[in-house]
Amino acid sequence: MDWRERITIEPGKRSGKPCVAGTRITVGDILSYLAAGETEETMLVAFPQLRREDIRAALAYAADDERHSRILAAE
């Protein structure tokens, strides 16, 4: 999955944090809910504008971001 199709970064939205396209839901919000034990199903009910693919895109974004951070730290 290419997270770039579903995750956007806009300077004026949520202080430039990466968000699900067309929403104000940040990647950090999604990760926090998952870390707290929420399931994809409960998140989809709580946020009807969210799609399962958005949650997966947020995870893919976080994985890329972490991988990129590791590469920079190694340099």
N, C-alpha and C. Protein backbone atom coordinates (compact mmCIF):
# COMPACT_ATOMS: atom_id res chain seq x y z
N MET A 1 0.84 -1.19 0.00
CA MET A 1 0.00 0.00 0.00
C MET A 1 0.88 1.24 0.00
N ASP A 2 0.51 2.19 -0.84
CA ASP A 2 1.21 3.47 -0.86
C ASP A 2 0.41 4.45 -0.01
N TRP A 3 0.92 4.75 1.17
CA TRP A 3 0.22 5.62 2.10
C TRP A 3 -0.01 7.01 1.52
N ARG A 4 0.77 7.41 0.53
CA ARG A 4 0.64 8.75 -0.05
C ARG A 4 -0.72 8.99 -0.71
N GLU A 5 -1.42 7.91 -1.01
CA GLU A 5 -2.76 8.04 -1.60
C GLU A 5 -3.81 8.42 -0.55
N ARG A 6 -3.50 8.22 0.74
CA ARG A 6 -4.51 8.43 1.78
C ARG A 6 -4.06 9.38 2.89
N ILE A 7 -2.78 9.65 2.99
CA ILE A 7 -2.26 10.52 4.05
C ILE A 7 -1.74 11.81 3.43
N THR A 8 -2.15 12.94 4.00
CA THR A 8 -1.70 14.24 3.49
C THR A 8 -1.09 15.05 4.62
N ILE A 9 -0.24 15.98 4.23
CA ILE A 9 0.35 16.92 5.19
C ILE A 9 0.09 18.32 4.65
N GLU A 10 -0.71 19.08 5.40
CA GLU A 10 -1.07 20.43 5.00
C GLU A 10 -0.65 21.37 6.13
N PRO A 11 0.16 22.38 5.83
CA PRO A 11 0.66 23.28 6.87
C PRO A 11 -0.42 23.88 7.77
N GLY A 12 -1.59 24.22 7.22
CA GLY A 12 -2.64 24.86 8.02
C GLY A 12 -3.58 23.91 8.73
N LYS A 13 -3.38 22.62 8.56
CA LYS A 13 -4.28 21.63 9.18
C LYS A 13 -3.55 20.87 10.26
N ARG A 14 -4.11 20.92 11.48
CA ARG A 14 -3.55 20.19 12.63
C ARG A 14 -2.05 20.43 12.77
N SER A 15 -1.65 21.68 12.58
CA SER A 15 -0.25 22.11 12.74
C SER A 15 0.70 21.36 11.81
N GLY A 16 0.21 20.96 10.65
CA GLY A 16 1.07 20.29 9.68
C GLY A 16 1.32 18.83 9.96
N LYS A 17 0.56 18.26 10.88
CA LYS A 17 0.72 16.82 11.17
C LYS A 17 0.11 16.01 10.04
N PRO A 18 0.64 14.81 9.78
CA PRO A 18 0.06 13.97 8.74
C PRO A 18 -1.35 13.52 9.14
N CYS A 19 -2.31 13.72 8.21
CA CYS A 19 -3.71 13.41 8.46
C CYS A 19 -4.25 12.50 7.36
N VAL A 20 -5.31 11.80 7.70
CA VAL A 20 -6.05 11.05 6.69
C VAL A 20 -6.67 12.09 5.75
N ALA A 21 -6.48 11.90 4.46
CA ALA A 21 -6.97 12.85 3.46
C ALA A 21 -8.45 13.14 3.65
N GLY A 22 -8.80 14.42 3.60
CA GLY A 22 -10.19 14.83 3.72
C GLY A 22 -10.72 14.86 5.14
N THR A 23 -9.86 14.61 6.12
CA THR A 23 -10.28 14.62 7.53
C THR A 23 -9.27 15.41 8.35
N ARG A 24 -9.56 15.55 9.63
CA ARG A 24 -8.60 16.14 10.57
C ARG A 24 -8.05 15.06 11.51
N ILE A 25 -8.23 13.81 11.14
CA ILE A 25 -7.73 12.69 11.94
C ILE A 25 -6.26 12.48 11.60
N THR A 26 -5.39 12.61 12.61
CA THR A 26 -3.96 12.48 12.35
C THR A 26 -3.51 11.03 12.45
N VAL A 27 -2.36 10.79 11.85
CA VAL A 27 -1.71 9.47 11.99
C VAL A 27 -1.48 9.21 13.47
N GLY A 28 -1.04 10.22 14.20
CA GLY A 28 -0.82 10.07 15.64
C GLY A 28 -2.07 9.68 16.40
N ASP A 29 -3.22 10.26 16.00
CA ASP A 29 -4.50 9.89 16.64
C ASP A 29 -4.76 8.40 16.45
N ILE A 30 -4.60 7.94 15.22
CA ILE A 30 -4.86 6.53 14.91
C ILE A 30 -3.91 5.63 15.69
N LEU A 31 -2.63 5.97 15.70
CA LEU A 31 -1.66 5.15 16.43
C LEU A 31 -1.96 5.14 17.93
N SER A 32 -2.38 6.27 18.46
CA SER A 32 -2.71 6.33 19.90
C SER A 32 -3.89 5.44 20.24
N TYR A 33 -4.92 5.49 19.40
CA TYR A 33 -6.08 4.63 19.64
C TYR A 33 -5.69 3.15 19.57
N LEU A 34 -4.92 2.78 18.58
CA LEU A 34 -4.49 1.39 18.46
C LEU A 34 -3.62 0.98 19.65
N ALA A 35 -2.72 1.86 20.06
CA ALA A 35 -1.84 1.56 21.20
C ALA A 35 -2.64 1.40 22.49
N ALA A 36 -3.76 2.10 22.58
CA ALA A 36 -4.60 2.01 23.78
C ALA A 36 -5.49 0.77 23.76
N GLY A 37 -5.43 0.00 22.68
CA GLY A 37 -6.18 -1.24 22.62
C GLY A 37 -7.45 -1.19 21.79
N GLU A 38 -7.72 -0.03 21.18
CA GLU A 38 -8.90 0.05 20.31
C GLU A 38 -8.70 -0.86 19.10
N THR A 39 -9.78 -1.38 18.60
CA THR A 39 -9.71 -2.21 17.40
C THR A 39 -10.06 -1.36 16.18
N GLU A 40 -9.72 -1.88 15.01
CA GLU A 40 -10.10 -1.18 13.78
C GLU A 40 -11.61 -1.01 13.74
N GLU A 41 -12.34 -2.02 14.15
CA GLU A 41 -13.79 -1.99 14.08
C GLU A 41 -14.37 -0.88 14.95
N THR A 42 -13.87 -0.73 16.18
CA THR A 42 -14.40 0.32 17.05
C THR A 42 -14.04 1.70 16.52
N MET A 43 -12.86 1.82 15.92
CA MET A 43 -12.47 3.11 15.35
C MET A 43 -13.35 3.47 14.16
N LEU A 44 -13.69 2.47 13.35
CA LEU A 44 -14.53 2.73 12.18
C LEU A 44 -15.94 3.15 12.58
N VAL A 45 -16.42 2.64 13.71
CA VAL A 45 -17.74 3.06 14.21
C VAL A 45 -17.65 4.47 14.80
N ALA A 46 -16.60 4.74 15.56
CA ALA A 46 -16.44 6.04 16.22
C ALA A 46 -16.17 7.16 15.22
N PHE A 47 -15.51 6.84 14.13
CA PHE A 47 -15.16 7.83 13.11
C PHE A 47 -15.69 7.36 11.75
N PRO A 48 -16.96 7.63 11.44
CA PRO A 48 -17.56 7.10 10.21
C PRO A 48 -16.85 7.55 8.93
N GLN A 49 -16.11 8.65 8.98
CA GLN A 49 -15.39 9.11 7.79
C GLN A 49 -14.11 8.32 7.55
N LEU A 50 -13.72 7.51 8.50
CA LEU A 50 -12.50 6.70 8.42
C LEU A 50 -12.79 5.38 7.72
N ARG A 51 -11.86 4.93 6.93
CA ARG A 51 -11.96 3.64 6.25
C ARG A 51 -10.83 2.72 6.73
N ARG A 52 -11.03 1.45 6.62
CA ARG A 52 -10.01 0.48 7.03
C ARG A 52 -8.68 0.78 6.33
N GLU A 53 -8.75 1.16 5.05
CA GLU A 53 -7.54 1.48 4.29
C GLU A 53 -6.81 2.69 4.87
N ASP A 54 -7.56 3.62 5.49
CA ASP A 54 -6.94 4.79 6.12
C ASP A 54 -6.10 4.36 7.33
N ILE A 55 -6.63 3.43 8.10
CA ILE A 55 -5.89 2.93 9.26
C ILE A 55 -4.61 2.23 8.80
N ARG A 56 -4.72 1.43 7.79
CA ARG A 56 -3.54 0.73 7.25
C ARG A 56 -2.54 1.72 6.67
N ALA A 57 -3.04 2.77 6.02
CA ALA A 57 -2.15 3.80 5.47
C ALA A 57 -1.42 4.53 6.59
N ALA A 58 -2.11 4.78 7.70
CA ALA A 58 -1.46 5.42 8.84
C ALA A 58 -0.34 4.54 9.39
N LEU A 59 -0.58 3.25 9.47
CA LEU A 59 0.46 2.32 9.92
C LEU A 59 1.64 2.30 8.94
N ALA A 60 1.34 2.31 7.64
CA ALA A 60 2.40 2.31 6.63
C ALA A 60 3.21 3.60 6.71
N TYR A 61 2.54 4.73 6.92
CA TYR A 61 3.23 6.01 7.07
C TYR A 61 4.18 5.94 8.28
N ALA A 62 3.67 5.45 9.41
CA ALA A 62 4.48 5.37 10.62
C ALA A 62 5.68 4.45 10.41
N ALA A 63 5.49 3.35 9.70
CA ALA A 63 6.60 2.43 9.43
C ALA A 63 7.65 3.10 8.55
N ASP A 64 7.21 3.82 7.52
CA ASP A 64 8.16 4.53 6.67
C ASP A 64 8.90 5.61 7.44
N ASP A 65 8.16 6.33 8.28
CA ASP A 65 8.77 7.40 9.08
C ASP A 65 9.82 6.83 10.02
N GLU A 66 9.51 5.71 10.66
CA GLU A 66 10.46 5.08 11.58
C GLU A 66 11.68 4.57 10.81
N ARG A 67 11.46 3.97 9.68
CA ARG A 67 12.56 3.46 8.85
C ARG A 67 13.46 4.60 8.41
N HIS A 68 12.87 5.70 8.00
CA HIS A 68 13.62 6.87 7.57
C HIS A 68 14.45 7.45 8.73
N SER A 69 13.85 7.49 9.92
CA SER A 69 14.56 7.98 11.10
C SER A 69 15.77 7.12 11.43
N ARG A 70 15.63 5.81 11.29
CA ARG A 70 16.73 4.90 11.54
C ARG A 70 17.87 5.12 10.56
N ILE A 71 17.52 5.35 9.30
CA ILE A 71 18.55 5.58 8.28
C ILE A 71 19.31 6.86 8.58
N LEU A 72 18.58 7.92 8.96
CA LEU A 72 19.24 9.19 9.28
C LEU A 72 20.14 9.05 10.51
N ALA A 73 19.70 8.28 11.50
CA ALA A 73 20.49 8.10 12.71
C ALA A 73 21.78 7.34 12.42
N ALA A 74 21.74 6.46 11.44
CA ALA A 74 22.91 5.65 11.11
C ALA A 74 23.97 6.43 10.32
N GLU A 75 23.55 7.53 9.73
CA GLU A 75 24.49 8.30 8.89
C GLU A 75 25.47 9.09 9.70
